[in-house]
Amino acid sequence: MAYTPELSLQSSCTLRRIAWALGIPMTQAIEKVFEYMPRILDQHKVCSFCKDKSKCCECAFSQASDFSRI
């Protein structure tokens, strides 16, 4: 596992409520949140600010990863 930042109290409460609403543990809920983010954030902006181009094939924002989903 990579670096794991601590959540603020507000973020933890928000995540807990998302998990309750989905009927899943918080660990699974945060995965769902991250799966959803590429649908609503500007992919090109995220990629243009990326500081680790070695993970493009694994990144949900990368066009390179789109081909692996087909």
N, C-alpha and C. Protein backbone atom coordinates (compact mmCIF):
# COMPACT_ATOMS: atom_id res chain seq x y z
N MET A 1 0.84 -1.17 0.00
CA MET A 1 0.00 0.00 0.00
C MET A 1 0.88 1.24 0.00
N ALA A 2 0.40 2.26 -0.67
CA ALA A 2 1.12 3.52 -0.75
C ALA A 2 0.87 4.37 0.48
N TYR A 3 1.44 5.55 0.49
CA TYR A 3 1.26 6.52 1.55
C TYR A 3 -0.23 6.70 1.85
N THR A 4 -0.59 6.67 3.12
CA THR A 4 -1.98 6.80 3.53
C THR A 4 -2.14 8.03 4.41
N PRO A 5 -2.71 9.10 3.85
CA PRO A 5 -2.91 10.30 4.67
C PRO A 5 -4.06 10.11 5.66
N GLU A 6 -3.98 10.81 6.77
CA GLU A 6 -5.07 10.79 7.74
C GLU A 6 -6.21 11.65 7.21
N LEU A 7 -7.42 11.25 7.52
CA LEU A 7 -8.59 12.03 7.15
C LEU A 7 -8.90 13.04 8.24
N SER A 8 -9.38 14.19 7.85
CA SER A 8 -9.86 15.15 8.85
C SER A 8 -11.13 14.58 9.47
N LEU A 9 -11.55 15.15 10.58
CA LEU A 9 -12.78 14.70 11.22
C LEU A 9 -13.97 14.84 10.28
N GLN A 10 -14.03 15.96 9.57
CA GLN A 10 -15.13 16.19 8.64
C GLN A 10 -15.12 15.16 7.50
N SER A 11 -13.96 14.90 6.93
CA SER A 11 -13.86 13.92 5.84
C SER A 11 -14.20 12.52 6.33
N SER A 12 -13.75 12.19 7.52
CA SER A 12 -14.07 10.89 8.09
C SER A 12 -15.57 10.73 8.31
N CYS A 13 -16.21 11.77 8.82
CA CYS A 13 -17.67 11.73 9.01
C CYS A 13 -18.39 11.59 7.68
N THR A 14 -17.92 12.32 6.68
CA THR A 14 -18.54 12.24 5.35
C THR A 14 -18.39 10.84 4.78
N LEU A 15 -17.19 10.29 4.86
CA LEU A 15 -16.96 8.95 4.35
C LEU A 15 -17.80 7.92 5.09
N ARG A 16 -17.92 8.05 6.39
CA ARG A 16 -18.73 7.13 7.18
C ARG A 16 -20.18 7.15 6.71
N ARG A 17 -20.70 8.33 6.43
CA ARG A 17 -22.09 8.44 5.98
C ARG A 17 -22.28 7.89 4.59
N ILE A 18 -21.30 8.08 3.72
CA ILE A 18 -21.34 7.47 2.39
C ILE A 18 -21.36 5.95 2.53
N ALA A 19 -20.51 5.42 3.40
CA ALA A 19 -20.45 3.97 3.63
C ALA A 19 -21.78 3.44 4.15
N TRP A 20 -22.37 4.15 5.10
CA TRP A 20 -23.68 3.72 5.62
C TRP A 20 -24.71 3.70 4.51
N ALA A 21 -24.72 4.75 3.69
CA ALA A 21 -25.70 4.85 2.60
C ALA A 21 -25.54 3.72 1.58
N LEU A 22 -24.29 3.33 1.35
CA LEU A 22 -24.02 2.25 0.39
C LEU A 22 -24.11 0.87 1.02
N GLY A 23 -24.14 0.83 2.35
CA GLY A 23 -24.19 -0.45 3.06
C GLY A 23 -22.91 -1.24 2.97
N ILE A 24 -21.78 -0.52 2.94
CA ILE A 24 -20.47 -1.17 2.83
C ILE A 24 -19.51 -0.54 3.84
N PRO A 25 -18.39 -1.22 4.13
CA PRO A 25 -17.40 -0.65 5.05
C PRO A 25 -16.75 0.61 4.46
N MET A 26 -16.21 1.44 5.34
CA MET A 26 -15.56 2.68 4.89
C MET A 26 -14.42 2.41 3.92
N THR A 27 -13.70 1.32 4.12
CA THR A 27 -12.58 1.00 3.21
C THR A 27 -13.08 0.76 1.80
N GLN A 28 -14.22 0.14 1.66
CA GLN A 28 -14.79 -0.09 0.33
C GLN A 28 -15.43 1.19 -0.21
N ALA A 29 -16.01 1.99 0.67
CA ALA A 29 -16.65 3.24 0.25
C ALA A 29 -15.64 4.21 -0.34
N ILE A 30 -14.46 4.29 0.26
CA ILE A 30 -13.47 5.22 -0.28
C ILE A 30 -12.98 4.74 -1.65
N GLU A 31 -12.94 3.44 -1.85
CA GLU A 31 -12.59 2.90 -3.18
C GLU A 31 -13.65 3.32 -4.20
N LYS A 32 -14.91 3.27 -3.82
CA LYS A 32 -16.00 3.69 -4.71
C LYS A 32 -15.88 5.17 -5.05
N VAL A 33 -15.54 5.97 -4.04
CA VAL A 33 -15.35 7.41 -4.28
C VAL A 33 -14.24 7.62 -5.30
N PHE A 34 -13.12 6.92 -5.12
CA PHE A 34 -12.00 7.07 -6.05
C PHE A 34 -12.34 6.54 -7.44
N GLU A 35 -13.16 5.52 -7.53
CA GLU A 35 -13.58 5.00 -8.84
C GLU A 35 -14.44 6.04 -9.56
N TYR A 36 -15.20 6.82 -8.81
CA TYR A 36 -16.10 7.81 -9.39
C TYR A 36 -15.40 9.10 -9.81
N MET A 37 -14.35 9.46 -9.15
CA MET A 37 -13.68 10.75 -9.39
C MET A 37 -13.27 10.98 -10.85
N PRO A 38 -12.73 10.00 -11.56
CA PRO A 38 -12.36 10.25 -12.95
C PRO A 38 -13.55 10.62 -13.85
N ARG A 39 -14.76 10.29 -13.41
CA ARG A 39 -15.95 10.64 -14.19
C ARG A 39 -16.31 12.12 -14.07
N ILE A 40 -15.88 12.76 -12.98
CA ILE A 40 -16.31 14.14 -12.75
C ILE A 40 -15.17 15.16 -12.78
N LEU A 41 -13.93 14.71 -12.73
CA LEU A 41 -12.80 15.63 -12.78
C LEU A 41 -12.24 15.70 -14.20
N ASP A 42 -11.62 16.81 -14.52
CA ASP A 42 -11.03 17.02 -15.84
C ASP A 42 -9.77 16.15 -15.98
N GLN A 43 -9.90 15.11 -16.78
CA GLN A 43 -8.81 14.14 -16.97
C GLN A 43 -7.55 14.83 -17.48
N HIS A 44 -7.69 15.73 -18.43
CA HIS A 44 -6.51 16.39 -19.01
C HIS A 44 -5.81 17.29 -17.99
N LYS A 45 -6.58 17.93 -17.14
CA LYS A 45 -5.98 18.78 -16.11
C LYS A 45 -5.21 17.93 -15.11
N VAL A 46 -5.82 16.82 -14.67
CA VAL A 46 -5.15 15.94 -13.72
C VAL A 46 -3.85 15.42 -14.32
N CYS A 47 -3.90 14.96 -15.55
CA CYS A 47 -2.70 14.42 -16.21
C CYS A 47 -1.63 15.48 -16.42
N SER A 48 -2.05 16.70 -16.73
CA SER A 48 -1.06 17.75 -16.98
C SER A 48 -0.30 18.14 -15.71
N PHE A 49 -0.91 17.94 -14.55
CA PHE A 49 -0.25 18.27 -13.29
C PHE A 49 0.43 17.05 -12.64
N CYS A 50 0.30 15.88 -13.25
CA CYS A 50 0.85 14.65 -12.69
C CYS A 50 2.37 14.74 -12.54
N LYS A 51 2.87 14.21 -11.43
CA LYS A 51 4.32 14.22 -11.17
C LYS A 51 4.92 12.82 -11.24
N ASP A 52 4.13 11.84 -11.69
CA ASP A 52 4.64 10.46 -11.81
C ASP A 52 4.09 9.82 -13.06
N LYS A 53 4.71 10.08 -14.18
CA LYS A 53 4.25 9.57 -15.47
C LYS A 53 4.53 8.08 -15.64
N SER A 54 5.19 7.45 -14.68
CA SER A 54 5.49 6.02 -14.80
C SER A 54 4.29 5.13 -14.51
N LYS A 55 3.21 5.68 -13.99
CA LYS A 55 2.03 4.90 -13.61
C LYS A 55 0.83 5.12 -14.53
N CYS A 56 1.02 5.72 -15.69
CA CYS A 56 -0.10 6.06 -16.58
C CYS A 56 -0.98 4.85 -16.92
N CYS A 57 -0.39 3.71 -17.15
CA CYS A 57 -1.18 2.53 -17.51
C CYS A 57 -2.07 2.05 -16.37
N GLU A 58 -1.76 2.44 -15.15
CA GLU A 58 -2.55 2.04 -13.98
C GLU A 58 -3.47 3.15 -13.50
N CYS A 59 -3.33 4.34 -14.04
CA CYS A 59 -4.05 5.51 -13.54
C CYS A 59 -5.44 5.62 -14.16
N ALA A 60 -6.43 5.87 -13.32
CA ALA A 60 -7.82 5.98 -13.78
C ALA A 60 -8.04 7.24 -14.63
N PHE A 61 -7.14 8.21 -14.54
CA PHE A 61 -7.30 9.44 -15.31
C PHE A 61 -6.62 9.39 -16.67
N SER A 62 -5.75 8.43 -16.87
CA SER A 62 -4.94 8.37 -18.08
C SER A 62 -5.69 7.76 -19.25
N GLN A 63 -5.49 8.34 -20.42
CA GLN A 63 -6.06 7.76 -21.64
C GLN A 63 -5.40 6.41 -21.91
N ALA A 64 -4.16 6.24 -21.50
CA ALA A 64 -3.47 4.97 -21.69
C ALA A 64 -4.19 3.84 -20.98
N SER A 65 -4.78 4.14 -19.82
CA SER A 65 -5.48 3.10 -19.07
C SER A 65 -6.84 2.78 -19.69
N ASP A 66 -7.39 3.69 -20.52
CA ASP A 66 -8.68 3.45 -21.17
C ASP A 66 -8.62 2.21 -22.06
N PHE A 67 -7.49 1.99 -22.72
CA PHE A 67 -7.37 0.86 -23.62
C PHE A 67 -7.35 -0.47 -22.89
N SER A 68 -6.87 -0.46 -21.65
CA SER A 68 -6.83 -1.71 -20.89
C SER A 68 -8.20 -2.11 -20.38
N ARG A 69 -9.17 -1.18 -20.41
CA ARG A 69 -10.53 -1.47 -19.93
C ARG A 69 -11.42 -2.04 -21.02
N ILE A 70 -10.96 -1.99 -22.26
CA ILE A 70 -11.78 -2.47 -23.39
C ILE A 70 -11.76 -3.97 -23.47
